[in-house]
C-alpha cells in the first residue's frame, strides 16, 4: 500500500514538473542554464574531475552543453548510451558535440557507437545527473525508468554525482524508495549549491 501511494505521488510530481519544463521558452532555458553552468564550472569537484559523464538535454532540461563545449579540450567528456536489453547505461567518450551524436531510443541524442569509444565506468570521476526534481536531502526524481539509479550504483565510491536543476525543480522532500532511488552528492541550481 505504501509503495502504491509513493508511486502515485511520484507519477503526479513527474506530470506536474514535465508540464512546467515543457512550458519554458528556449530563451528561459538558455538563461537559466547559463546560471547553472556558471556555478557548476566553479565547483572544485568539477575543476578537479578529469573524466565527466554528462547528458544531452531533452526539451526543457538544464543544458550544460555550452560549458562542455568550452572544456572539451581540457577534460574528457562521455555521454550515456541506453542499453534497453540490460536496462542500463553504457558510456562513450566524445570529442565533438556536433559530429559524435545520433538520435537513440526515445529520440534522446547519444554517442554514435561507431565513431566513439566505450569507456569503463571505473574511469569516471564525476557524473552530471539530470532529474525532474531534487530535494534538500539530495534525493532525485527521474523519469521513472531507473536507468540512472541502476547506473549510479555501479560507480566507484570516489566518483562524485552532481544533480543539476532549475530552482523550481528543488522541492522540500521527494517520495523515495531507499532500495531503488539513488541520491546525488551535490545539487546545483540557478542560485545555489546543496
N, C-alpha and C. Protein backbone atom coordinates (compact mmCIF):
# COMPACT_ATOMS: atom_id res chain seq x y z
N UNK A 1 0.82 -1.20 0.00
CA UNK A 1 0.00 0.00 0.00
C UNK A 1 0.86 1.26 0.00
N UNK A 2 1.89 1.28 0.84
CA UNK A 2 2.79 2.44 0.91
C UNK A 2 3.49 2.64 -0.43
N UNK A 3 3.91 1.52 -1.05
CA UNK A 3 4.58 1.59 -2.36
C UNK A 3 3.66 2.22 -3.40
N UNK A 4 2.36 1.86 -3.38
CA UNK A 4 1.42 2.41 -4.36
C UNK A 4 1.21 3.90 -4.16
N UNK A 5 1.11 4.33 -2.92
CA UNK A 5 0.95 5.76 -2.62
C UNK A 5 2.18 6.52 -3.09
N UNK A 6 3.36 5.94 -2.80
CA UNK A 6 4.64 6.55 -3.22
C UNK A 6 4.69 6.65 -4.75
N UNK A 7 4.29 5.56 -5.45
CA UNK A 7 4.30 5.53 -6.90
C UNK A 7 3.34 6.57 -7.48
N UNK A 8 2.15 6.68 -6.88
CA UNK A 8 1.17 7.66 -7.34
C UNK A 8 1.69 9.08 -7.15
N UNK A 9 2.31 9.33 -6.00
CA UNK A 9 2.85 10.67 -5.73
C UNK A 9 3.97 11.00 -6.72
N UNK A 10 4.82 10.02 -7.00
CA UNK A 10 5.89 10.22 -7.98
C UNK A 10 5.30 10.53 -9.36
N UNK A 11 4.28 9.78 -9.76
CA UNK A 11 3.65 10.00 -11.08
C UNK A 11 3.06 11.40 -11.18
N UNK A 12 2.37 11.83 -10.13
CA UNK A 12 1.78 13.17 -10.13
C UNK A 12 2.85 14.25 -10.21
N UNK A 13 3.93 14.06 -9.43
CA UNK A 13 5.04 15.03 -9.47
C UNK A 13 5.68 15.07 -10.85
N UNK A 14 5.91 13.90 -11.44
CA UNK A 14 6.51 13.84 -12.77
C UNK A 14 5.66 14.62 -13.78
N UNK A 15 4.36 14.38 -13.74
CA UNK A 15 3.45 15.03 -14.67
C UNK A 15 3.51 16.55 -14.51
N UNK A 16 3.43 17.02 -13.27
CA UNK A 16 3.44 18.45 -12.97
C UNK A 16 4.76 19.11 -13.40
N UNK A 17 5.88 18.44 -13.10
CA UNK A 17 7.20 19.02 -13.42
C UNK A 17 7.48 18.98 -14.92
N UNK A 18 7.08 17.90 -15.59
CA UNK A 18 7.26 17.84 -17.04
C UNK A 18 6.47 18.95 -17.73
N UNK A 19 5.27 19.19 -17.25
CA UNK A 19 4.44 20.26 -17.81
C UNK A 19 5.13 21.61 -17.65
N UNK A 20 5.69 21.86 -16.48
CA UNK A 20 6.40 23.13 -16.21
C UNK A 20 7.64 23.24 -17.09
N UNK A 21 8.43 22.16 -17.19
CA UNK A 21 9.65 22.18 -18.01
C UNK A 21 9.32 22.44 -19.48
N UNK A 22 8.29 21.78 -19.98
CA UNK A 22 7.92 21.94 -21.39
C UNK A 22 7.30 23.30 -21.69
N UNK A 23 6.88 24.02 -20.64
CA UNK A 23 6.30 25.35 -20.86
C UNK A 23 7.38 26.44 -20.95
N UNK A 24 8.63 26.09 -20.59
CA UNK A 24 9.71 27.08 -20.65
C UNK A 24 10.05 27.42 -22.10
N UNK A 25 10.31 28.69 -22.36
CA UNK A 25 10.75 29.07 -23.71
C UNK A 25 12.23 28.71 -23.85
N UNK A 26 12.69 28.64 -25.09
CA UNK A 26 14.12 28.35 -25.33
C UNK A 26 15.00 29.41 -24.67
N UNK A 27 14.55 30.66 -24.69
CA UNK A 27 15.32 31.76 -24.08
C UNK A 27 15.42 31.56 -22.57
N UNK A 28 14.31 31.14 -21.94
CA UNK A 28 14.33 30.89 -20.49
C UNK A 28 15.29 29.75 -20.15
N UNK A 29 15.21 28.68 -20.92
CA UNK A 29 16.09 27.52 -20.68
C UNK A 29 17.54 27.96 -20.82
N UNK A 30 17.84 28.73 -21.86
CA UNK A 30 19.21 29.19 -22.10
C UNK A 30 19.71 30.06 -20.94
N UNK A 31 18.91 31.03 -20.54
CA UNK A 31 19.31 31.95 -19.46
C UNK A 31 19.49 31.20 -18.14
N UNK A 32 18.52 30.38 -17.80
CA UNK A 32 18.59 29.63 -16.55
C UNK A 32 19.76 28.64 -16.56
N UNK A 33 19.96 27.98 -17.71
CA UNK A 33 21.05 27.00 -17.84
C UNK A 33 22.42 27.68 -17.68
N UNK A 34 22.56 28.88 -18.23
CA UNK A 34 23.84 29.60 -18.10
C UNK A 34 24.16 29.88 -16.64
N UNK A 35 23.14 30.17 -15.83
CA UNK A 35 23.37 30.38 -14.39
C UNK A 35 23.85 29.09 -13.73
N UNK A 36 23.23 27.97 -14.09
CA UNK A 36 23.65 26.68 -13.53
C UNK A 36 25.09 26.37 -13.97
N UNK A 37 25.39 26.58 -15.26
CA UNK A 37 26.73 26.30 -15.79
C UNK A 37 27.80 27.11 -15.04
N UNK A 38 27.51 28.36 -14.77
CA UNK A 38 28.49 29.23 -14.09
C UNK A 38 28.82 28.68 -12.70
N UNK A 39 27.79 28.31 -11.95
CA UNK A 39 28.02 27.78 -10.60
C UNK A 39 28.71 26.42 -10.68
N UNK A 40 28.25 25.56 -11.58
CA UNK A 40 28.83 24.22 -11.71
C UNK A 40 30.31 24.29 -12.10
N UNK A 41 30.63 25.13 -13.06
CA UNK A 41 32.03 25.18 -13.54
C UNK A 41 32.99 25.75 -12.50
N UNK A 42 32.45 26.45 -11.50
CA UNK A 42 33.29 26.99 -10.42
C UNK A 42 33.49 26.02 -9.26
N UNK A 43 32.76 24.93 -9.25
CA UNK A 43 32.88 23.97 -8.14
C UNK A 43 34.22 23.24 -8.18
N UNK A 44 34.88 23.09 -7.04
CA UNK A 44 36.14 22.33 -7.01
C UNK A 44 36.00 20.91 -7.55
N UNK A 45 34.86 20.23 -7.29
CA UNK A 45 34.74 18.85 -7.79
C UNK A 45 34.67 18.82 -9.32
N UNK A 46 34.15 19.87 -9.92
CA UNK A 46 34.16 19.95 -11.39
C UNK A 46 35.57 20.26 -11.88
N UNK A 47 36.21 21.24 -11.25
CA UNK A 47 37.56 21.63 -11.67
C UNK A 47 38.55 20.47 -11.54
N UNK A 48 38.37 19.65 -10.50
CA UNK A 48 39.30 18.53 -10.26
C UNK A 48 39.00 17.29 -11.10
N UNK A 49 37.81 17.19 -11.65
CA UNK A 49 37.42 15.98 -12.41
C UNK A 49 38.09 15.97 -13.78
N UNK A 50 38.57 14.80 -14.17
CA UNK A 50 39.18 14.63 -15.49
C UNK A 50 38.23 13.97 -16.48
N UNK A 51 37.47 12.97 -16.01
CA UNK A 51 36.53 12.25 -16.87
C UNK A 51 35.12 12.46 -16.31
N UNK A 52 34.29 13.13 -17.11
CA UNK A 52 32.95 13.52 -16.64
C UNK A 52 31.88 12.92 -17.54
N UNK A 53 30.93 12.23 -16.92
CA UNK A 53 29.77 11.75 -17.66
C UNK A 53 28.72 12.86 -17.62
N UNK A 54 28.30 13.30 -18.79
CA UNK A 54 27.28 14.34 -18.90
C UNK A 54 26.07 13.73 -19.59
N UNK A 55 25.12 14.55 -19.96
CA UNK A 55 23.93 14.07 -20.67
C UNK A 55 23.56 15.09 -21.73
N UNK A 56 22.89 14.63 -22.76
CA UNK A 56 22.41 15.52 -23.82
C UNK A 56 20.99 15.91 -23.41
N UNK A 57 20.71 17.21 -23.23
CA UNK A 57 19.43 17.60 -22.64
C UNK A 57 18.22 17.35 -23.55
N UNK A 58 17.15 16.95 -22.90
CA UNK A 58 15.85 16.87 -23.55
C UNK A 58 15.23 18.26 -23.48
N UNK A 59 14.16 18.48 -24.21
CA UNK A 59 13.49 19.78 -24.21
C UNK A 59 13.13 20.19 -22.78
N UNK A 60 13.52 21.41 -22.41
CA UNK A 60 13.21 21.95 -21.09
C UNK A 60 14.24 21.64 -20.02
N UNK A 61 15.14 20.68 -20.25
CA UNK A 61 16.13 20.32 -19.22
C UNK A 61 17.27 21.32 -19.17
N UNK A 62 17.94 21.36 -18.02
CA UNK A 62 19.15 22.16 -17.88
C UNK A 62 20.13 21.74 -18.97
N UNK A 63 20.63 22.73 -19.70
CA UNK A 63 21.54 22.46 -20.82
C UNK A 63 22.94 22.94 -20.45
N UNK A 64 23.85 21.99 -20.23
CA UNK A 64 25.23 22.34 -19.88
C UNK A 64 26.19 22.12 -21.05
N UNK A 65 25.63 21.99 -22.26
CA UNK A 65 26.49 21.74 -23.43
C UNK A 65 27.42 22.91 -23.74
N UNK A 66 27.02 24.14 -23.40
CA UNK A 66 27.89 25.30 -23.62
C UNK A 66 29.17 25.18 -22.81
N UNK A 67 29.03 24.82 -21.54
CA UNK A 67 30.17 24.63 -20.64
C UNK A 67 31.05 23.48 -21.14
N UNK A 68 30.40 22.40 -21.55
CA UNK A 68 31.15 21.22 -22.03
C UNK A 68 31.92 21.59 -23.29
N UNK A 69 31.28 22.32 -24.21
CA UNK A 69 31.94 22.74 -25.45
C UNK A 69 33.20 23.53 -25.18
N UNK A 70 33.16 24.39 -24.16
CA UNK A 70 34.34 25.20 -23.80
C UNK A 70 35.45 24.34 -23.20
N UNK A 71 35.07 23.27 -22.50
CA UNK A 71 36.06 22.47 -21.75
C UNK A 71 36.44 21.15 -22.43
N UNK A 72 35.94 20.91 -23.64
CA UNK A 72 36.23 19.64 -24.33
C UNK A 72 37.72 19.39 -24.56
N UNK A 73 38.48 20.45 -24.66
CA UNK A 73 39.93 20.29 -24.93
C UNK A 73 40.73 19.99 -23.65
N UNK A 74 40.14 20.33 -22.48
CA UNK A 74 40.91 20.14 -21.24
C UNK A 74 40.38 19.02 -20.34
N UNK A 75 39.17 18.53 -20.65
CA UNK A 75 38.59 17.44 -19.88
C UNK A 75 38.04 16.39 -20.85
N UNK A 76 37.90 15.17 -20.36
CA UNK A 76 37.31 14.11 -21.18
C UNK A 76 35.84 13.98 -20.78
N UNK A 77 34.96 14.14 -21.76
CA UNK A 77 33.53 14.01 -21.51
C UNK A 77 33.01 12.75 -22.17
N UNK A 78 32.14 12.09 -21.45
CA UNK A 78 31.46 10.93 -22.02
C UNK A 78 29.97 11.13 -21.81
N UNK A 79 29.20 10.41 -22.61
CA UNK A 79 27.75 10.52 -22.57
C UNK A 79 27.17 9.12 -22.55
N UNK A 80 25.97 8.97 -22.00
CA UNK A 80 25.37 7.64 -21.92
C UNK A 80 24.73 7.17 -23.22
N UNK A 81 24.80 5.86 -23.40
CA UNK A 81 24.07 5.17 -24.46
C UNK A 81 23.15 4.20 -23.73
N UNK A 82 21.86 4.25 -24.04
CA UNK A 82 20.90 3.38 -23.36
C UNK A 82 21.00 1.96 -23.89
N UNK A 83 21.19 1.02 -22.97
CA UNK A 83 21.16 -0.41 -23.31
C UNK A 83 19.79 -0.92 -22.86
N UNK A 84 18.84 -0.97 -23.81
CA UNK A 84 17.47 -1.33 -23.46
C UNK A 84 17.32 -2.77 -22.99
N UNK A 85 18.17 -3.67 -23.50
CA UNK A 85 18.09 -5.08 -23.08
C UNK A 85 18.45 -5.23 -21.61
N UNK A 86 19.56 -4.60 -21.22
CA UNK A 86 20.02 -4.69 -19.82
C UNK A 86 19.41 -3.63 -18.93
N UNK A 87 18.66 -2.69 -19.53
CA UNK A 87 18.08 -1.56 -18.80
C UNK A 87 19.15 -0.83 -18.00
N UNK A 88 20.22 -0.51 -18.70
CA UNK A 88 21.35 0.15 -18.07
C UNK A 88 21.96 1.14 -19.05
N UNK A 89 22.95 1.87 -18.59
CA UNK A 89 23.66 2.83 -19.44
C UNK A 89 25.08 2.35 -19.70
N UNK A 90 25.53 2.56 -20.93
CA UNK A 90 26.95 2.37 -21.28
C UNK A 90 27.48 3.77 -21.55
N UNK A 91 28.78 3.97 -21.39
CA UNK A 91 29.33 5.32 -21.57
C UNK A 91 30.37 5.36 -22.67
N UNK A 92 30.28 6.41 -23.50
CA UNK A 92 31.18 6.58 -24.64
C UNK A 92 31.77 7.98 -24.61
N UNK A 93 33.09 8.06 -24.79
CA UNK A 93 33.78 9.34 -24.83
C UNK A 93 33.50 10.05 -26.14
N UNK A 94 33.37 11.36 -26.09
CA UNK A 94 33.12 12.13 -27.31
C UNK A 94 34.19 13.21 -27.47
N UNK A 95 34.45 13.58 -28.72
CA UNK A 95 35.40 14.67 -28.98
C UNK A 95 34.72 15.84 -29.67
N UNK A 96 33.48 15.64 -30.13
CA UNK A 96 32.75 16.72 -30.80
C UNK A 96 31.26 16.66 -30.44
N UNK A 97 30.72 17.78 -30.00
CA UNK A 97 29.29 17.84 -29.69
C UNK A 97 28.46 17.89 -30.97
N UNK A 98 29.09 18.27 -32.08
CA UNK A 98 28.37 18.39 -33.35
C UNK A 98 28.36 17.10 -34.17
N UNK A 99 29.46 16.33 -34.09
CA UNK A 99 29.62 15.20 -35.01
C UNK A 99 29.49 13.81 -34.39
N UNK A 100 29.51 13.70 -33.07
CA UNK A 100 29.58 12.39 -32.44
C UNK A 100 28.24 11.84 -31.95
N UNK A 101 27.11 12.47 -32.31
CA UNK A 101 25.82 12.06 -31.75
C UNK A 101 24.80 11.66 -32.81
N UNK A 102 23.92 10.75 -32.39
CA UNK A 102 22.78 10.30 -33.20
C UNK A 102 21.56 10.22 -32.29
N UNK A 103 20.35 10.30 -32.84
CA UNK A 103 19.17 10.07 -32.00
C UNK A 103 19.11 8.59 -31.60
N UNK A 104 18.88 8.34 -30.32
CA UNK A 104 18.77 6.98 -29.82
C UNK A 104 17.33 6.68 -29.41
N UNK A 105 17.15 5.71 -28.50
CA UNK A 105 15.80 5.40 -28.02
C UNK A 105 15.13 6.64 -27.44
N UNK A 106 13.84 6.75 -27.64
CA UNK A 106 13.04 7.89 -27.15
C UNK A 106 13.53 9.22 -27.74
N UNK A 107 14.23 9.15 -28.87
CA UNK A 107 14.78 10.33 -29.56
C UNK A 107 15.78 11.11 -28.72
N UNK A 108 16.41 10.43 -27.76
CA UNK A 108 17.44 11.05 -26.93
C UNK A 108 18.76 11.00 -27.70
N UNK A 109 19.42 12.13 -27.83
CA UNK A 109 20.71 12.16 -28.51
C UNK A 109 21.75 11.40 -27.68
N UNK A 110 22.49 10.52 -28.33
CA UNK A 110 23.52 9.75 -27.64
C UNK A 110 24.70 9.53 -28.58
N UNK A 111 25.87 9.19 -28.01
CA UNK A 111 27.03 9.00 -28.88
C UNK A 111 26.80 7.93 -29.94
N UNK A 112 27.35 8.19 -31.11
CA UNK A 112 27.36 7.21 -32.20
C UNK A 112 28.43 6.18 -31.84
N UNK A 113 28.02 4.97 -31.52
CA UNK A 113 28.98 3.97 -31.04
C UNK A 113 29.96 3.53 -32.12
N UNK A 114 29.70 3.88 -33.38
CA UNK A 114 30.64 3.56 -34.46
C UNK A 114 31.76 4.59 -34.53
N UNK A 115 31.53 5.78 -34.01
CA UNK A 115 32.52 6.86 -34.07
C UNK A 115 33.24 7.11 -32.75
N UNK A 116 32.66 6.61 -31.65
CA UNK A 116 33.20 6.93 -30.33
C UNK A 116 33.65 5.67 -29.62
N UNK A 117 34.39 5.85 -28.54
CA UNK A 117 34.97 4.71 -27.83
C UNK A 117 34.29 4.51 -26.48
N UNK A 118 33.93 3.27 -26.19
CA UNK A 118 33.31 2.97 -24.89
C UNK A 118 34.36 3.07 -23.79
N UNK A 119 33.94 3.65 -22.67
CA UNK A 119 34.82 3.80 -21.52
C UNK A 119 34.34 2.91 -20.38
N UNK A 120 35.25 2.57 -19.49
CA UNK A 120 34.87 1.80 -18.31
C UNK A 120 34.21 2.74 -17.30
N UNK A 121 33.20 2.25 -16.63
CA UNK A 121 32.52 3.05 -15.61
C UNK A 121 33.53 3.48 -14.54
N UNK A 122 34.51 2.63 -14.28
CA UNK A 122 35.52 2.94 -13.24
C UNK A 122 36.40 4.13 -13.61
N UNK A 123 36.40 4.56 -14.88
CA UNK A 123 37.20 5.73 -15.30
C UNK A 123 36.55 7.05 -14.92
N UNK A 124 35.27 7.03 -14.60
CA UNK A 124 34.52 8.28 -14.38
C UNK A 124 34.82 8.89 -13.01
N UNK A 125 35.15 10.21 -13.03
CA UNK A 125 35.40 10.95 -11.79
C UNK A 125 34.14 11.65 -11.29
N UNK A 126 33.29 12.04 -12.24
CA UNK A 126 32.12 12.83 -11.89
C UNK A 126 31.00 12.58 -12.88
N UNK A 127 29.75 12.60 -12.37
CA UNK A 127 28.58 12.44 -13.22
C UNK A 127 27.68 13.66 -13.04
N UNK A 128 27.33 14.30 -14.14
CA UNK A 128 26.33 15.38 -14.12
C UNK A 128 24.99 14.68 -14.36
N UNK A 129 24.14 14.72 -13.35
CA UNK A 129 22.92 13.91 -13.35
C UNK A 129 21.68 14.76 -13.62
N UNK A 130 20.92 14.41 -14.67
CA UNK A 130 19.66 15.12 -14.89
C UNK A 130 18.58 14.59 -13.95
N UNK A 131 17.52 15.34 -13.81
CA UNK A 131 16.39 14.87 -13.00
C UNK A 131 15.21 15.79 -13.20
N UNK A 132 14.03 15.27 -12.91
CA UNK A 132 12.84 16.12 -12.95
C UNK A 132 12.75 16.96 -11.68
N UNK A 133 13.24 16.40 -10.56
CA UNK A 133 13.25 17.12 -9.30
C UNK A 133 14.31 16.56 -8.38
N UNK A 134 14.72 17.39 -7.44
CA UNK A 134 15.64 17.01 -6.37
C UNK A 134 15.07 17.59 -5.08
N UNK A 135 15.55 17.10 -3.93
CA UNK A 135 15.11 17.72 -2.68
C UNK A 135 16.32 18.09 -1.83
N UNK A 136 16.05 18.70 -0.68
CA UNK A 136 17.13 19.20 0.18
C UNK A 136 17.91 18.09 0.86
N UNK A 137 17.46 16.85 0.72
CA UNK A 137 18.20 15.69 1.24
C UNK A 137 19.04 15.06 0.13
N UNK A 138 19.07 15.71 -1.04
CA UNK A 138 19.81 15.29 -2.23
C UNK A 138 19.21 14.02 -2.88
N UNK A 139 17.92 13.81 -2.66
CA UNK A 139 17.21 12.76 -3.37
C UNK A 139 16.87 13.26 -4.77
N UNK A 140 16.64 12.33 -5.67
CA UNK A 140 16.38 12.66 -7.08
C UNK A 140 15.13 11.95 -7.56
N UNK A 141 14.35 12.66 -8.37
CA UNK A 141 13.22 12.07 -9.06
C UNK A 141 13.54 12.09 -10.55
N UNK A 142 13.70 10.90 -11.13
CA UNK A 142 13.98 10.81 -12.56
C UNK A 142 12.69 10.63 -13.34
N UNK A 143 12.82 10.14 -14.56
CA UNK A 143 11.63 10.00 -15.42
C UNK A 143 10.92 8.67 -15.21
N UNK A 144 11.47 7.81 -14.36
CA UNK A 144 10.73 6.62 -13.98
C UNK A 144 11.25 5.29 -14.51
N UNK A 145 12.22 5.31 -15.40
CA UNK A 145 12.72 4.05 -15.97
C UNK A 145 13.84 3.44 -15.12
N UNK A 146 14.48 4.21 -14.26
CA UNK A 146 15.50 3.68 -13.35
C UNK A 146 16.89 3.54 -13.94
N UNK A 147 17.11 4.03 -15.18
CA UNK A 147 18.43 3.88 -15.81
C UNK A 147 19.53 4.51 -14.97
N UNK A 148 19.34 5.74 -14.53
CA UNK A 148 20.37 6.42 -13.74
C UNK A 148 20.54 5.78 -12.37
N UNK A 149 19.44 5.39 -11.72
CA UNK A 149 19.56 4.76 -10.40
C UNK A 149 20.42 3.50 -10.48
N UNK A 150 20.17 2.67 -11.48
CA UNK A 150 20.98 1.44 -11.63
C UNK A 150 22.42 1.78 -11.96
N UNK A 151 22.61 2.77 -12.84
CA UNK A 151 23.97 3.13 -13.25
C UNK A 151 24.77 3.71 -12.08
N UNK A 152 24.17 4.60 -11.31
CA UNK A 152 24.90 5.26 -10.21
C UNK A 152 25.38 4.26 -9.17
N UNK A 153 24.68 3.15 -9.00
CA UNK A 153 25.10 2.11 -8.06
C UNK A 153 26.43 1.47 -8.49
N UNK A 154 26.76 1.55 -9.78
CA UNK A 154 27.96 0.90 -10.32
C UNK A 154 29.20 1.80 -10.27
N UNK A 155 29.04 3.05 -9.90
CA UNK A 155 30.19 3.97 -9.90
C UNK A 155 31.20 3.63 -8.82
N UNK A 156 32.45 4.04 -9.05
CA UNK A 156 33.46 3.99 -8.00
C UNK A 156 32.98 4.84 -6.83
N UNK A 157 33.24 4.42 -5.59
CA UNK A 157 32.82 5.25 -4.45
C UNK A 157 33.44 6.65 -4.47
N UNK A 158 34.59 6.79 -5.13
CA UNK A 158 35.24 8.11 -5.18
C UNK A 158 34.62 9.05 -6.22
N UNK A 159 33.82 8.52 -7.15
CA UNK A 159 33.19 9.35 -8.18
C UNK A 159 32.12 10.22 -7.54
N UNK A 160 32.05 11.47 -7.96
CA UNK A 160 31.07 12.41 -7.42
C UNK A 160 29.88 12.54 -8.37
N UNK A 161 28.69 12.65 -7.79
CA UNK A 161 27.48 12.82 -8.59
C UNK A 161 26.89 14.20 -8.30
N UNK A 162 26.61 14.94 -9.38
CA UNK A 162 26.09 16.30 -9.23
C UNK A 162 24.78 16.43 -10.01
N UNK A 163 23.70 16.61 -9.29
CA UNK A 163 22.41 16.85 -9.92
C UNK A 163 22.31 18.30 -10.34
N UNK A 164 21.77 18.55 -11.52
CA UNK A 164 21.58 19.93 -11.98
C UNK A 164 20.09 20.17 -12.20
N UNK A 165 19.64 21.36 -11.78
CA UNK A 165 18.21 21.65 -11.84
C UNK A 165 17.96 23.15 -11.86
N UNK A 166 16.80 23.51 -12.36
CA UNK A 166 16.33 24.88 -12.21
C UNK A 166 15.77 25.01 -10.80
N UNK A 167 15.71 26.24 -10.29
CA UNK A 167 15.29 26.45 -8.90
C UNK A 167 13.94 25.80 -8.58
N UNK A 168 12.97 25.88 -9.50
CA UNK A 168 11.64 25.33 -9.21
C UNK A 168 11.63 23.80 -9.15
N UNK A 169 12.72 23.16 -9.58
CA UNK A 169 12.80 21.70 -9.53
C UNK A 169 13.33 21.19 -8.19
N UNK A 170 13.69 22.11 -7.29
CA UNK A 170 14.18 21.69 -5.97
C UNK A 170 13.02 21.82 -4.99
N UNK A 171 12.61 20.68 -4.47
CA UNK A 171 11.46 20.61 -3.58
C UNK A 171 11.91 20.30 -2.16
N UNK A 172 11.00 20.52 -1.23
CA UNK A 172 11.34 20.28 0.18
C UNK A 172 11.72 18.82 0.42
N UNK A 173 10.87 17.91 -0.04
CA UNK A 173 11.22 16.49 0.04
C UNK A 173 10.48 15.72 -1.05
N UNK A 174 11.05 14.59 -1.43
CA UNK A 174 10.51 13.76 -2.50
C UNK A 174 10.13 12.39 -1.95
N UNK A 175 9.15 11.74 -2.57
CA UNK A 175 8.88 10.35 -2.19
C UNK A 175 10.01 9.48 -2.74
N UNK A 176 10.65 8.72 -1.88
CA UNK A 176 11.77 7.88 -2.33
C UNK A 176 11.65 6.48 -1.77
N UNK A 177 12.28 5.56 -2.49
CA UNK A 177 12.40 4.19 -2.02
C UNK A 177 13.88 3.94 -1.80
N UNK A 178 14.31 3.75 -0.54
CA UNK A 178 15.75 3.64 -0.25
C UNK A 178 16.48 2.52 -0.99
N UNK A 179 15.78 1.48 -1.40
CA UNK A 179 16.44 0.37 -2.10
C UNK A 179 16.70 0.69 -3.57
N UNK A 180 15.89 1.56 -4.16
CA UNK A 180 16.00 1.81 -5.60
C UNK A 180 16.56 3.19 -5.94
N UNK A 181 16.09 4.19 -5.23
CA UNK A 181 16.41 5.57 -5.59
C UNK A 181 17.77 6.00 -5.05
N UNK A 182 18.62 6.45 -5.97
CA UNK A 182 19.97 6.87 -5.60
C UNK A 182 20.02 8.38 -5.38
N UNK A 183 20.67 8.77 -4.30
CA UNK A 183 20.90 10.19 -4.01
C UNK A 183 22.07 10.69 -4.85
N UNK A 184 22.20 12.02 -4.93
CA UNK A 184 23.39 12.62 -5.54
C UNK A 184 24.21 13.25 -4.42
N UNK A 185 25.48 13.52 -4.70
CA UNK A 185 26.37 14.12 -3.69
C UNK A 185 26.11 15.62 -3.53
N UNK A 186 25.81 16.27 -4.66
CA UNK A 186 25.64 17.72 -4.68
C UNK A 186 24.53 18.05 -5.66
N UNK A 187 23.81 19.13 -5.40
CA UNK A 187 22.83 19.64 -6.37
C UNK A 187 23.21 21.08 -6.69
N UNK A 188 23.23 21.40 -7.97
CA UNK A 188 23.50 22.76 -8.41
C UNK A 188 22.25 23.29 -9.13
N UNK A 189 21.77 24.45 -8.66
CA UNK A 189 20.64 25.08 -9.32
C UNK A 189 21.09 26.45 -9.84
N UNK A 190 20.13 27.24 -10.26
CA UNK A 190 20.46 28.56 -10.80
C UNK A 190 21.09 29.48 -9.78
N UNK A 191 20.76 29.28 -8.50
CA UNK A 191 21.23 30.20 -7.46
C UNK A 191 21.93 29.55 -6.30
N UNK A 192 21.98 28.21 -6.27
CA UNK A 192 22.55 27.60 -5.05
C UNK A 192 23.23 26.27 -5.30
N UNK A 193 23.97 25.86 -4.28
CA UNK A 193 24.61 24.54 -4.24
C UNK A 193 24.11 23.87 -2.96
N UNK A 194 23.58 22.68 -3.11
CA UNK A 194 23.05 21.95 -1.94
C UNK A 194 23.91 20.71 -1.73
